[in-house]
């Protein structure tokens, strides 16, 4: 599988940003105020989903790191030999 495809890298960047923003939303907004389509919405609840926020933030960071490594130079093992 070719993981250096530009569409895959762009998708990883977009999803990484989305998950980081979602992690910030989990930290900042109580569960009762979350939109109903976001996992963790609990009507009338005033607690924050800290574990959801940490998981979302780490997933977003991992996706951005993946995209960053995919845009780097190819290693010696991947370069075709010229001899």
PDB file of N, CA and C in Angstrom:
ATOM      1  N   UNK A   1       0.840  -1.184   0.000  1.00  0.00           N
ATOM      2  CA  UNK A   1       0.000   0.000   0.000  1.00  0.00           C
ATOM      3  C   UNK A   1       0.884   1.246   0.000  1.00  0.00           C
ATOM      4  N   UNK A   2       0.591   2.179  -0.862  1.00  0.00           N
ATOM      5  CA  UNK A   2       1.340   3.425  -0.949  1.00  0.00           C
ATOM      6  C   UNK A   2       0.762   4.421   0.046  1.00  0.00           C
ATOM      7  N   UNK A   3       1.479   4.649   1.163  1.00  0.00           N
ATOM      8  CA  UNK A   3       0.978   5.576   2.180  1.00  0.00           C
ATOM      9  C   UNK A   3       1.400   7.010   1.908  1.00  0.00           C
ATOM     10  N   UNK A   4       2.144   7.259   0.843  1.00  0.00           N
ATOM     11  CA  UNK A   4       2.576   8.612   0.514  1.00  0.00           C
ATOM     12  C   UNK A   4       1.641   9.279  -0.495  1.00  0.00           C
ATOM     13  N   UNK A   5       0.474   8.758  -0.659  1.00  0.00           N
ATOM     14  CA  UNK A   5      -0.489   9.334  -1.603  1.00  0.00           C
ATOM     15  C   UNK A   5      -0.982  10.671  -1.053  1.00  0.00           C
ATOM     16  N   UNK A   6      -1.006  11.722  -1.865  1.00  0.00           N
ATOM     17  CA  UNK A   6      -1.401  13.048  -1.382  1.00  0.00           C
ATOM     18  C   UNK A   6      -2.809  13.106  -0.785  1.00  0.00           C
ATOM     19  N   UNK A   7      -3.729  12.316  -1.316  1.00  0.00           N
ATOM     20  CA  UNK A   7      -5.095  12.325  -0.783  1.00  0.00           C
ATOM     21  C   UNK A   7      -5.112  11.755   0.638  1.00  0.00           C
ATOM     22  N   UNK A   8      -4.332  10.711   0.873  1.00  0.00           N
ATOM     23  CA  UNK A   8      -4.248  10.111   2.210  1.00  0.00           C
ATOM     24  C   UNK A   8      -3.641  11.101   3.203  1.00  0.00           C
ATOM     25  N   UNK A   9      -2.619  11.820   2.774  1.00  0.00           N
ATOM     26  CA  UNK A   9      -1.971  12.798   3.649  1.00  0.00           C
ATOM     27  C   UNK A   9      -2.927  13.946   3.966  1.00  0.00           C
ATOM     28  N   UNK A  10      -3.627  14.442   2.961  1.00  0.00           N
ATOM     29  CA  UNK A  10      -4.583  15.537   3.176  1.00  0.00           C
ATOM     30  C   UNK A  10      -5.720  15.100   4.086  1.00  0.00           C
ATOM     31  N   UNK A  11      -6.191  13.876   3.907  1.00  0.00           N
ATOM     32  CA  UNK A  11      -7.256  13.353   4.762  1.00  0.00           C
ATOM     33  C   UNK A  11      -6.781  13.240   6.202  1.00  0.00           C
ATOM     34  N   UNK A  12      -5.548  12.781   6.406  1.00  0.00           N
ATOM     35  CA  UNK A  12      -5.004  12.668   7.757  1.00  0.00           C
ATOM     36  C   UNK A  12      -4.887  14.036   8.421  1.00  0.00           C
ATOM     37  N   UNK A  13      -4.487  15.051   7.658  1.00  0.00           N
ATOM     38  CA  UNK A  13      -4.372  16.407   8.209  1.00  0.00           C
ATOM     39  C   UNK A  13      -5.746  16.946   8.607  1.00  0.00           C
ATOM     40  N   UNK A  14      -6.715  16.798   7.721  1.00  0.00           N
ATOM     41  CA  UNK A  14      -8.063  17.310   8.012  1.00  0.00           C
ATOM     42  C   UNK A  14      -8.660  16.596   9.224  1.00  0.00           C
ATOM     43  N   UNK A  15      -8.570  15.266   9.248  1.00  0.00           N
ATOM     44  CA  UNK A  15      -9.113  14.514  10.387  1.00  0.00           C
ATOM     45  C   UNK A  15      -8.354  14.832  11.669  1.00  0.00           C
ATOM     46  N   UNK A  16      -7.049  15.035  11.575  1.00  0.00           N
ATOM     47  CA  UNK A  16      -6.270  15.398  12.754  1.00  0.00           C
ATOM     48  C   UNK A  16      -6.737  16.707  13.358  1.00  0.00           C
ATOM     49  N   UNK A  17      -6.961  17.693  12.505  1.00  0.00           N
ATOM     50  CA  UNK A  17      -7.449  18.991  12.992  1.00  0.00           C
ATOM     51  C   UNK A  17      -8.845  18.848  13.588  1.00  0.00           C
ATOM     52  N   UNK A  18      -9.708  18.069  12.932  1.00  0.00           N
ATOM     53  CA  UNK A  18     -11.077  17.871  13.433  1.00  0.00           C
ATOM     54  C   UNK A  18     -11.053  17.215  14.811  1.00  0.00           C
ATOM     55  N   UNK A  19     -10.215  16.183  14.988  1.00  0.00           N
ATOM     56  CA  UNK A  19     -10.173  15.497  16.275  1.00  0.00           C
ATOM     57  C   UNK A  19      -9.564  16.374  17.369  1.00  0.00           C
ATOM     58  N   UNK A  20      -8.605  17.218  17.043  1.00  0.00           N
ATOM     59  CA  UNK A  20      -8.053  18.127  18.047  1.00  0.00           C
ATOM     60  C   UNK A  20      -9.103  19.151  18.471  1.00  0.00           C
ATOM     61  N   UNK A  21      -9.835  19.688  17.508  1.00  0.00           N
ATOM     62  CA  UNK A  21     -10.909  20.635  17.840  1.00  0.00           C
ATOM     63  C   UNK A  21     -11.976  19.940  18.682  1.00  0.00           C
ATOM     64  N   UNK A  22     -12.321  18.706  18.332  1.00  0.00           N
ATOM     65  CA  UNK A  22     -13.308  17.958  19.110  1.00  0.00           C
ATOM     66  C   UNK A  22     -12.807  17.717  20.535  1.00  0.00           C
ATOM     67  N   UNK A  23     -11.524  17.439  20.693  1.00  0.00           N
ATOM     68  CA  UNK A  23     -10.955  17.269  22.027  1.00  0.00           C
ATOM     69  C   UNK A  23     -11.081  18.532  22.854  1.00  0.00           C
ATOM     70  N   UNK A  24     -10.838  19.690  22.225  1.00  0.00           N
ATOM     71  CA  UNK A  24     -10.985  20.964  22.930  1.00  0.00           C
ATOM     72  C   UNK A  24     -12.444  21.190  23.319  1.00  0.00           C
ATOM     73  N   UNK A  25     -13.366  20.819  22.436  1.00  0.00           N
ATOM     74  CA  UNK A  25     -14.802  20.959  22.737  1.00  0.00           C
ATOM     75  C   UNK A  25     -15.169  20.093  23.938  1.00  0.00           C
ATOM     76  N   UNK A  26     -14.651  18.858  23.981  1.00  0.00           N
ATOM     77  CA  UNK A  26     -14.928  17.981  25.124  1.00  0.00           C
ATOM     78  C   UNK A  26     -14.437  18.596  26.434  1.00  0.00           C
ATOM     79  N   UNK A  27     -13.285  19.282  26.408  1.00  0.00           N
ATOM     80  CA  UNK A  27     -12.765  19.914  27.624  1.00  0.00           C
ATOM     81  C   UNK A  27     -13.566  21.145  28.016  1.00  0.00           C
ATOM     82  N   UNK A  28     -14.039  21.905  27.040  1.00  0.00           N
ATOM     83  CA  UNK A  28     -14.634  23.207  27.309  1.00  0.00           C
ATOM     84  C   UNK A  28     -16.140  23.183  27.545  1.00  0.00           C
ATOM     85  N   UNK A  29     -16.841  22.203  26.970  1.00  0.00           N
ATOM     86  CA  UNK A  29     -18.309  22.214  27.007  1.00  0.00           C
ATOM     87  C   UNK A  29     -18.817  21.075  27.884  1.00  0.00           C
ATOM     88  N   UNK A  30     -19.740  21.359  28.808  1.00  0.00           N
ATOM     89  CA  UNK A  30     -20.317  20.271  29.611  1.00  0.00           C
ATOM     90  C   UNK A  30     -21.107  19.285  28.750  1.00  0.00           C
ATOM     91  N   UNK A  31     -21.241  18.065  29.242  1.00  0.00           N
ATOM     92  CA  UNK A  31     -21.894  17.001  28.469  1.00  0.00           C
ATOM     93  C   UNK A  31     -23.323  17.362  28.084  1.00  0.00           C
ATOM     94  N   UNK A  32     -24.017  18.109  28.907  1.00  0.00           N
ATOM     95  CA  UNK A  32     -25.394  18.491  28.599  1.00  0.00           C
ATOM     96  C   UNK A  32     -25.505  19.517  27.495  1.00  0.00           C
ATOM     97  N   UNK A  33     -24.425  20.249  27.242  1.00  0.00           N
ATOM     98  CA  UNK A  33     -24.444  21.278  26.211  1.00  0.00           C
ATOM     99  C   UNK A  33     -23.844  20.831  24.890  1.00  0.00           C
ATOM    100  N   UNK A  34     -23.318  19.603  24.842  1.00  0.00           N
ATOM    101  CA  UNK A  34     -22.768  19.086  23.590  1.00  0.00           C
ATOM    102  C   UNK A  34     -23.895  18.876  22.578  1.00  0.00           C
ATOM    103  N   UNK A  35     -23.608  19.064  21.293  1.00  0.00           N
ATOM    104  CA  UNK A  35     -24.621  18.734  20.287  1.00  0.00           C
ATOM    105  C   UNK A  35     -24.987  17.249  20.378  1.00  0.00           C
ATOM    106  N   UNK A  36     -26.196  16.914  20.057  1.00  0.00           N
ATOM    107  CA  UNK A  36     -26.676  15.541  20.251  1.00  0.00           C
ATOM    108  C   UNK A  36     -25.976  14.537  19.348  1.00  0.00           C
ATOM    109  N   UNK A  37     -25.336  14.977  18.265  1.00  0.00           N
ATOM    110  CA  UNK A  37     -24.664  14.050  17.355  1.00  0.00           C
ATOM    111  C   UNK A  37     -23.244  13.709  17.803  1.00  0.00           C
ATOM    112  N   UNK A  38     -22.730  14.397  18.829  1.00  0.00           N
ATOM    113  CA  UNK A  38     -21.394  14.102  19.347  1.00  0.00           C
ATOM    114  C   UNK A  38     -21.506  13.037  20.430  1.00  0.00           C
ATOM    115  N   UNK A  39     -20.695  11.972  20.352  1.00  0.00           N
ATOM    116  CA  UNK A  39     -20.726  10.946  21.401  1.00  0.00           C
ATOM    117  C   UNK A  39     -20.414  11.562  22.763  1.00  0.00           C
ATOM    118  N   UNK A  40     -21.162  11.190  23.768  1.00  0.00           N
ATOM    119  CA  UNK A  40     -20.977  11.717  25.106  1.00  0.00           C
ATOM    120  C   UNK A  40     -22.032  12.721  25.515  1.00  0.00           C
ATOM    121  N   UNK A  41     -22.936  13.066  24.600  1.00  0.00           N
ATOM    122  CA  UNK A  41     -24.011  13.999  24.942  1.00  0.00           C
ATOM    123  C   UNK A  41     -24.927  13.348  25.975  1.00  0.00           C
ATOM    124  N   UNK A  42     -25.122  14.034  27.087  1.00  0.00           N
ATOM    125  CA  UNK A  42     -26.035  13.570  28.141  1.00  0.00           C
ATOM    126  C   UNK A  42     -26.892  14.760  28.545  1.00  0.00           C
ATOM    127  N   UNK A  43     -28.161  14.693  28.239  1.00  0.00           N
ATOM    128  CA  UNK A  43     -29.061  15.808  28.519  1.00  0.00           C
ATOM    129  C   UNK A  43     -29.068  16.122  30.013  1.00  0.00           C
ATOM    130  N   UNK A  44     -28.884  17.381  30.342  1.00  0.00           N
ATOM    131  CA  UNK A  44     -28.939  17.835  31.719  1.00  0.00           C
ATOM    132  C   UNK A  44     -27.669  17.606  32.516  1.00  0.00           C
ATOM    133  N   UNK A  45     -26.663  17.024  31.946  1.00  0.00           N
ATOM    134  CA  UNK A  45     -25.424  16.739  32.668  1.00  0.00           C
ATOM    135  C   UNK A  45     -24.524  17.969  32.679  1.00  0.00           C
ATOM    136  N   UNK A  46     -23.811  18.166  33.784  1.00  0.00           N
ATOM    137  CA  UNK A  46     -22.919  19.323  33.887  1.00  0.00           C
ATOM    138  C   UNK A  46     -21.446  18.924  33.965  1.00  0.00           C
ATOM    139  N   UNK A  47     -21.138  17.638  33.826  1.00  0.00           N
ATOM    140  CA  UNK A  47     -19.721  17.241  33.890  1.00  0.00           C
ATOM    141  C   UNK A  47     -19.083  17.257  32.505  1.00  0.00           C
ATOM    142  N   UNK A  48     -17.766  17.333  32.500  1.00  0.00           N
ATOM    143  CA  UNK A  48     -17.001  17.369  31.253  1.00  0.00           C
ATOM    144  C   UNK A  48     -16.443  15.975  30.975  1.00  0.00           C
ATOM    145  N   UNK A  49     -16.345  15.624  29.705  1.00  0.00           N
ATOM    146  CA  UNK A  49     -15.810  14.320  29.310  1.00  0.00           C
ATOM    147  C   UNK A  49     -14.304  14.445  29.098  1.00  0.00           C
ATOM    148  N   UNK A  50     -13.563  14.337  30.197  1.00  0.00           N
ATOM    149  CA  UNK A  50     -12.119  14.515  30.137  1.00  0.00           C
ATOM    150  C   UNK A  50     -11.472  13.372  29.347  1.00  0.00           C
ATOM    151  N   UNK A  51     -11.901  12.137  29.589  1.00  0.00           N
ATOM    152  CA  UNK A  51     -11.306  10.993  28.881  1.00  0.00           C
ATOM    153  C   UNK A  51     -11.600  11.065  27.381  1.00  0.00           C
ATOM    154  N   UNK A  52     -12.809  11.472  27.010  1.00  0.00           N
ATOM    155  CA  UNK A  52     -13.136  11.652  25.596  1.00  0.00           C
ATOM    156  C   UNK A  52     -12.226  12.726  24.981  1.00  0.00           C
ATOM    157  N   UNK A  53     -12.013  13.798  25.726  1.00  0.00           N
ATOM    158  CA  UNK A  53     -11.173  14.887  25.246  1.00  0.00           C
ATOM    159  C   UNK A  53      -9.732  14.459  25.049  1.00  0.00           C
ATOM    160  N   UNK A  54      -9.189  13.711  26.008  1.00  0.00           N
ATOM    161  CA  UNK A  54      -7.811  13.234  25.899  1.00  0.00           C
ATOM    162  C   UNK A  54      -7.677  12.292  24.714  1.00  0.00           C
ATOM    163  N   UNK A  55      -8.603  11.354  24.576  1.00  0.00           N
ATOM    164  CA  UNK A  55      -8.538  10.384  23.477  1.00  0.00           C
ATOM    165  C   UNK A  55      -8.649  11.084  22.123  1.00  0.00           C
ATOM    166  N   UNK A  56      -9.559  12.023  22.004  1.00  0.00           N
ATOM    167  CA  UNK A  56      -9.741  12.740  20.747  1.00  0.00           C
ATOM    168  C   UNK A  56      -8.503  13.571  20.412  1.00  0.00           C
ATOM    169  N   UNK A  57      -7.949  14.248  21.407  1.00  0.00           N
ATOM    170  CA  UNK A  57      -6.768  15.069  21.192  1.00  0.00           C
ATOM    171  C   UNK A  57      -5.568  14.214  20.773  1.00  0.00           C
ATOM    172  N   UNK A  58      -5.369  13.082  21.439  1.00  0.00           N
ATOM    173  CA  UNK A  58      -4.246  12.203  21.092  1.00  0.00           C
ATOM    174  C   UNK A  58      -4.411  11.596  19.701  1.00  0.00           C
ATOM    175  N   UNK A  59      -5.631  11.216  19.343  1.00  0.00           N
ATOM    176  CA  UNK A  59      -5.876  10.689  18.006  1.00  0.00           C
ATOM    177  C   UNK A  59      -5.586  11.751  16.940  1.00  0.00           C
ATOM    178  N   UNK A  60      -6.019  12.975  17.193  1.00  0.00           N
ATOM    179  CA  UNK A  60      -5.735  14.062  16.257  1.00  0.00           C
ATOM    180  C   UNK A  60      -4.245  14.320  16.123  1.00  0.00           C
ATOM    181  N   UNK A  61      -3.530  14.307  17.246  1.00  0.00           N
ATOM    182  CA  UNK A  61      -2.078  14.503  17.201  1.00  0.00           C
ATOM    183  C   UNK A  61      -1.396  13.368  16.440  1.00  0.00           C
ATOM    184  N   UNK A  62      -1.845  12.137  16.654  1.00  0.00           N
ATOM    185  CA  UNK A  62      -1.262  10.987  15.948  1.00  0.00           C
ATOM    186  C   UNK A  62      -1.489  11.101  14.438  1.00  0.00           C
ATOM    187  N   UNK A  63      -2.656  11.550  14.027  1.00  0.00           N
ATOM    188  CA  UNK A  63      -2.928  11.725  12.598  1.00  0.00           C
ATOM    189  C   UNK A  63      -2.049  12.821  11.984  1.00  0.00           C
ATOM    190  N   UNK A  64      -1.843  13.909  12.720  1.00  0.00           N
ATOM    191  CA  UNK A  64      -0.976  14.970  12.208  1.00  0.00           C
ATOM    192  C   UNK A  64       0.475  14.511  12.137  1.00  0.00           C
ATOM    193  N   UNK A  65       0.923  13.738  13.123  1.00  0.00           N
ATOM    194  CA  UNK A  65       2.286  13.202  13.096  1.00  0.00           C
ATOM    195  C   UNK A  65       2.448  12.228  11.931  1.00  0.00           C
ATOM    196  N   UNK A  66       1.443  11.389  11.696  1.00  0.00           N
ATOM    197  CA  UNK A  66       1.472  10.479  10.551  1.00  0.00           C
ATOM    198  C   UNK A  66       1.630  11.265   9.248  1.00  0.00           C
ATOM    199  N   UNK A  67       0.837  12.315   9.079  1.00  0.00           N
ATOM    200  CA  UNK A  67       0.916  13.122   7.860  1.00  0.00           C
ATOM    201  C   UNK A  67       2.280  13.792   7.735  1.00  0.00           C
ATOM    202  N   UNK A  68       2.833  14.245   8.849  1.00  0.00           N
ATOM    203  CA  UNK A  68       4.128  14.901   8.838  1.00  0.00           C
ATOM    204  C   UNK A  68       5.223  13.933   8.381  1.00  0.00           C
ATOM    205  N   UNK A  69       5.207  12.715   8.919  1.00  0.00           N
ATOM    206  CA  UNK A  69       6.210  11.727   8.525  1.00  0.00           C
ATOM    207  C   UNK A  69       6.050  11.295   7.066  1.00  0.00           C
ATOM    208  N   UNK A  70       4.840  11.293   6.569  1.00  0.00           N
ATOM    209  CA  UNK A  70       4.617  10.887   5.186  1.00  0.00           C
ATOM    210  C   UNK A  70       5.094  11.930   4.187  1.00  0.00           C
ATOM    211  N   UNK A  71       5.232  13.170   4.624  1.00  0.00           N
ATOM    212  CA  UNK A  71       5.682  14.221   3.714  1.00  0.00           C
ATOM    213  C   UNK A  71       7.197  14.391   3.726  1.00  0.00           C
ATOM    214  N   UNK A  72       7.901  13.638   4.574  1.00  0.00           N
ATOM    215  CA  UNK A  72       9.358  13.742   4.651  1.00  0.00           C
ATOM    216  C   UNK A  72      10.040  13.027   3.501  1.00  0.00           C
ATOM    217  N   UNK A  73      11.369  13.105   3.506  1.00  0.00           N
ATOM    218  CA  UNK A  73      12.155  12.454   2.468  1.00  0.00           C
ATOM    219  C   UNK A  73      12.104  10.944   2.660  1.00  0.00           C
ATOM    220  N   UNK A  74      12.251  10.240   1.554  1.00  0.00           N
ATOM    221  CA  UNK A  74      12.268   8.780   1.617  1.00  0.00           C
ATOM    222  C   UNK A  74      13.562   8.318   2.275  1.00  0.00           C
ATOM    223  N   UNK A  75      13.474   7.242   3.040  1.00  0.00           N
ATOM    224  CA  UNK A  75      14.652   6.691   3.697  1.00  0.00           C
ATOM    225  C   UNK A  75      15.519   5.925   2.706  1.00  0.00           C
ATOM    226  N   UNK A  76      16.694   5.504   3.156  1.00  0.00           N
ATOM    227  CA  UNK A  76      17.614   4.779   2.283  1.00  0.00           C
ATOM    228  C   UNK A  76      17.042   3.440   1.852  1.00  0.00           C
ATOM    229  N   UNK A  77      16.251   2.795   2.687  1.00  0.00           N
ATOM    230  CA  UNK A  77      15.712   1.475   2.345  1.00  0.00           C
ATOM    231  C   UNK A  77      14.694   1.571   1.213  1.00  0.00           C
ATOM    232  N   UNK A  78      14.051   2.716   1.025  1.00  0.00           N
ATOM    233  CA  UNK A  78      13.024   2.859   0.011  1.00  0.00           C
ATOM    234  C   UNK A  78      13.579   3.351  -1.322  1.00  0.00           C
ATOM    235  N   UNK A  79      14.815   3.852  -1.362  1.00  0.00           N
ATOM    236  CA  UNK A  79      15.371   4.381  -2.598  1.00  0.00           C
ATOM    237  C   UNK A  79      15.821   3.246  -3.491  1.00  0.00           C
ATOM    238  N   UNK A  80      15.500   3.316  -4.772  1.00  0.00           N
ATOM    239  CA  UNK A  80      15.944   2.263  -5.691  1.00  0.00           C
ATOM    240  C   UNK A  80      17.454   2.336  -5.888  1.00  0.00           C
ATOM    241  N   UNK A  81      18.068   1.191  -5.981  1.00  0.00           N
ATOM    242  CA  UNK A  81      19.524   1.169  -6.189  1.00  0.00           C
ATOM    243  C   UNK A  81      19.828   1.430  -7.659  1.00  0.00           C
ATOM    244  N   UNK A  82      20.835   2.241  -7.895  1.00  0.00           N
ATOM    245  CA  UNK A  82      21.181   2.633  -9.252  1.00  0.00           C
ATOM    246  C   UNK A  82      22.208   1.713  -9.900  1.00  0.00           C
ATOM    247  N   UNK A  83      22.706   0.731  -9.167  1.00  0.00           N
ATOM    248  CA  UNK A  83      23.733  -0.130  -9.748  1.00  0.00           C
ATOM    249  C   UNK A  83      23.202  -1.458 -10.143  1.00  0.00           C
TER     250      UNK A  83
END
